[in-house]
Amino acid sequence: MLNNILTNTDISLLRWIHHHRIQELDQVLYYISYSTSFISIGLVLTVLIISLKNKSKPLLVVFYKMLAVLIFAAVFSFTLKNLITRERPFKIYPDIEKLSEAGSASFPSGHTFEAFAMAIAFSIAFPKRKFIIPLFIWASVIAYSRMALGVHYPGDVLAGMILGSLTGWFIPKLIKTKTNISS
C-alpha cells in the first residue's frame, strides 16, 4: 500500500512538473541537462590546471578528491541503475513526452547525482559564495530539467540529490590530508 502511495505521488508530481513547464525553455533545459558531465569535468580540470600552474600541492589534493567524487558518482549511479532497473516514465505513461536523451533505467537520476556530488565537493573545497551559489543553481536546474524533460520521476531526482550530496561530502573525507583550501 505504501508503495502504491509513493508511486502515485511520484507520477502525480512528475505530471504536474512536466505538463506545467514553460515549453519555450525546453531547448535551454535540454542543453543545461546535457552540460552535466562537461561542467563536472571542466571543474575537475580547472582545479588540476590551476594546481599545476601554481605548483600547489594542496590544490592537487583537491583535484584528486574532485576526480574521486566524479568517478564514484558515475560508477555508483550506473551500478544502482542496473540493480534497480526502474522503467523510464515516458515508457509507461503516454502523456509524458521524452524531450531529452535517456539511458536505460531511471533510478536514480545520474545527472542529478553527479551535479549535486560536484556542487557539494566543490563548495566544501572552496567555501565562497561566488562558487557555491552558481553551483547549486546549476545542480538544481539540472534536477528540475530531468523531470520537466520527462525522463525522470521526482523520486529518481530526490535520490540523485541525496546520494550525490552524500558522495560529495563523504568521498573527499576518505582522502586524508592536512591541507585546507579556503582562501
Protein backbone atom coordinates (compact mmCIF):
# COMPACT_ATOMS: atom_id res chain seq x y z
CA MET A 1 0.00 0.00 0.00
CA LEU A 2 2.78 2.43 0.91
CA ASN A 3 4.48 1.55 -2.38
CA ASN A 4 1.30 2.46 -4.29
CA ILE A 5 1.03 5.78 -2.46
CA LEU A 6 4.67 6.62 -3.25
CA THR A 7 4.29 5.58 -6.89
CA ASN A 8 1.08 7.59 -7.29
CA THR A 9 2.67 10.64 -5.66
CA ASP A 10 5.75 10.27 -7.84
CA ILE A 11 3.81 10.18 -11.11
CA SER A 12 1.39 12.89 -9.98
CA LEU A 13 4.27 15.25 -9.18
CA LEU A 14 6.02 14.36 -12.44
CA ARG A 15 2.84 15.01 -14.45
CA TRP A 16 2.40 18.39 -12.77
CA ILE A 17 6.04 19.40 -13.39
CA HIS A 18 6.12 18.06 -16.96
CA HIS A 19 2.77 19.50 -18.03
CA HIS A 20 3.30 22.90 -16.37
CA ARG A 21 6.80 23.54 -17.67
CA ILE A 22 7.47 26.55 -19.86
CA GLN A 23 7.76 24.78 -23.19
CA GLU A 24 9.74 27.62 -24.74
CA LEU A 25 12.55 26.68 -22.33
CA ASP A 26 12.67 23.00 -23.35
CA GLN A 27 15.74 23.52 -25.56
CA VAL A 28 17.51 25.52 -22.84
CA LEU A 29 16.75 22.82 -20.27
CA TYR A 30 17.97 20.19 -22.71
CA TYR A 31 21.35 21.93 -23.06
CA ILE A 32 21.67 22.56 -19.33
CA SER A 33 20.90 18.91 -18.67
CA TYR A 34 23.36 17.87 -21.35
CA SER A 35 26.05 20.08 -19.75
CA THR A 36 26.35 17.98 -16.61
CA SER A 37 29.45 15.95 -17.43
CA PHE A 38 31.09 18.76 -19.39
CA ILE A 39 30.83 21.13 -16.44
CA SER A 40 31.83 18.44 -13.93
CA ILE A 41 34.90 17.50 -15.94
CA GLY A 42 35.62 21.18 -16.54
CA LEU A 43 35.61 21.87 -12.80
CA VAL A 44 38.00 19.00 -12.15
CA LEU A 45 40.35 20.01 -14.98
CA THR A 46 40.29 23.65 -13.89
CA VAL A 47 41.48 22.66 -10.43
CA LEU A 48 44.20 20.49 -12.00
CA ILE A 49 45.41 23.24 -14.34
CA ILE A 50 45.49 25.87 -11.58
CA SER A 51 47.28 23.47 -9.24
CA LEU A 52 49.93 22.71 -11.87
CA LYS A 53 50.30 26.35 -12.91
CA ASN A 54 50.73 27.46 -9.28
CA LYS A 55 52.69 24.34 -8.28
CA SER A 56 50.20 23.93 -5.45
CA LYS A 57 50.21 20.56 -3.72
CA PRO A 58 47.07 21.43 -1.70
CA LEU A 59 45.18 22.20 -4.92
CA LEU A 60 46.48 18.97 -6.45
CA VAL A 61 44.96 17.12 -3.50
CA VAL A 62 41.66 18.90 -4.19
CA PHE A 63 41.93 17.76 -7.81
CA TYR A 64 42.29 14.13 -6.71
CA LYS A 65 39.34 14.49 -4.35
CA MET A 66 37.16 16.00 -7.08
CA LEU A 67 38.21 13.33 -9.54
CA ALA A 68 37.37 10.63 -6.98
CA VAL A 69 33.92 12.20 -6.42
CA LEU A 70 33.23 12.33 -10.16
CA ILE A 71 34.32 8.74 -10.76
CA PHE A 72 32.45 7.40 -7.72
CA ALA A 73 29.27 9.27 -8.70
CA ALA A 74 29.37 7.81 -12.20
CA VAL A 75 30.12 4.24 -11.09
CA PHE A 76 27.68 4.17 -8.16
CA SER A 77 24.86 5.75 -10.17
CA PHE A 78 25.41 3.30 -13.05
CA THR A 79 25.50 0.36 -10.62
CA LEU A 80 22.25 1.40 -8.92
CA LYS A 81 20.51 1.85 -12.28
CA ASN A 82 21.47 -1.69 -13.25
CA LEU A 83 20.43 -3.16 -9.91
CA ILE A 84 17.10 -1.37 -9.56
CA THR A 85 16.08 -1.11 -13.26
CA ARG A 86 13.13 1.26 -12.83
CA GLU A 87 11.42 1.90 -16.16
CA ARG A 88 11.56 5.47 -17.51
CA PRO A 89 8.30 7.43 -17.11
CA PHE A 90 7.87 8.14 -20.83
CA LYS A 91 7.87 4.38 -21.48
CA ILE A 92 4.98 3.75 -19.10
CA TYR A 93 2.85 6.89 -19.28
CA PRO A 94 1.88 8.08 -22.78
CA ASP A 95 1.23 11.64 -21.56
CA ILE A 96 4.88 12.04 -20.53
CA GLU A 97 6.88 13.15 -23.55
CA LYS A 98 10.58 12.26 -23.83
CA LEU A 99 12.37 15.54 -24.52
CA SER A 100 15.94 14.51 -23.75
CA GLU A 101 18.29 11.60 -24.13
CA ALA A 102 17.77 8.91 -21.53
CA GLY A 103 19.78 5.80 -20.86
CA SER A 104 18.43 2.52 -19.68
CA ALA A 105 16.98 2.62 -16.17
CA SER A 106 15.53 5.61 -14.38
CA PHE A 107 16.60 5.28 -10.74
CA PRO A 108 18.50 7.30 -9.60
CA SER A 109 18.93 10.33 -11.82
CA GLY A 110 22.59 10.12 -12.79
CA HIS A 111 22.71 13.73 -14.00
CA THR A 112 21.34 14.96 -10.67
CA PHE A 113 23.59 12.61 -8.71
CA GLU A 114 26.70 13.91 -10.48
CA ALA A 115 25.70 17.58 -10.31
CA PHE A 116 24.99 17.51 -6.57
CA ALA A 117 28.10 15.46 -5.82
CA MET A 118 30.26 18.00 -7.62
CA ALA A 119 28.42 21.00 -6.14
CA ILE A 120 28.91 19.71 -2.58
CA ALA A 121 32.53 18.65 -3.07
CA PHE A 122 33.50 21.91 -4.78
CA SER A 123 31.65 24.00 -2.19
CA ILE A 124 33.45 22.26 0.66
CA ALA A 125 36.83 22.70 -1.03
CA PHE A 126 36.13 26.33 -1.97
CA PRO A 127 33.62 27.69 0.56
CA LYS A 128 32.92 31.00 -1.11
CA ARG A 129 29.51 32.27 -2.16
CA LYS A 130 30.76 33.12 -5.65
CA PHE A 131 31.25 29.36 -6.21
CA ILE A 132 28.53 27.88 -4.01
CA ILE A 133 25.53 29.81 -5.33
CA PRO A 134 26.14 29.23 -9.06
CA LEU A 135 26.95 25.55 -8.47
CA PHE A 136 23.75 24.90 -6.55
CA ILE A 137 21.66 26.84 -9.05
CA TRP A 138 23.24 24.69 -11.80
CA ALA A 139 22.63 21.44 -9.89
CA SER A 140 19.04 22.43 -9.06
CA VAL A 141 18.23 23.37 -12.66
CA ILE A 142 19.64 20.01 -13.79
CA ALA A 143 17.43 18.25 -11.23
CA TYR A 144 14.37 20.15 -12.45
CA SER A 145 15.25 19.64 -16.12
CA ARG A 146 15.31 15.85 -15.79
CA MET A 147 11.66 15.89 -14.68
CA ALA A 148 10.50 18.70 -16.97
CA LEU A 149 12.02 16.85 -19.93
CA GLY A 150 10.10 13.71 -18.98
CA VAL A 151 13.00 11.34 -18.35
CA HIS A 152 12.92 11.01 -14.54
CA TYR A 153 10.42 10.76 -11.72
CA PRO A 154 10.75 13.14 -8.75
CA GLY A 155 11.83 10.15 -6.63
CA ASP A 156 14.72 9.48 -9.03
CA VAL A 157 15.80 13.10 -8.79
CA LEU A 158 15.43 13.23 -5.00
CA ALA A 159 17.55 10.08 -4.70
CA GLY A 160 20.14 11.64 -7.02
CA MET A 161 20.22 14.78 -4.88
CA ILE A 162 20.64 12.86 -1.62
CA LEU A 163 23.12 10.27 -2.88
CA GLY A 164 25.08 12.90 -4.81
CA SER A 165 25.26 15.18 -1.78
CA LEU A 166 26.43 12.32 0.43
CA THR A 167 29.03 11.36 -2.19
CA GLY A 168 30.30 14.93 -2.50
CA TRP A 169 30.64 15.19 1.26
CA PHE A 170 31.91 11.70 2.13
CA ILE A 171 34.35 10.75 -0.65
CA PRO A 172 36.72 13.72 -0.10
CA LYS A 173 36.83 12.87 3.62
CA LEU A 174 38.20 9.43 2.73
CA ILE A 175 41.26 11.12 1.26
CA LYS A 176 43.02 12.28 4.41
CA THR A 177 45.21 15.36 4.18
CA LYS A 178 46.43 18.14 6.43
CA THR A 179 45.76 20.86 3.87
CA ASN A 180 42.83 23.22 3.82
CA ILE A 181 41.93 25.27 0.75
CA SER A 182 39.70 28.07 1.93
CA SER A 183 41.48 31.14 0.63
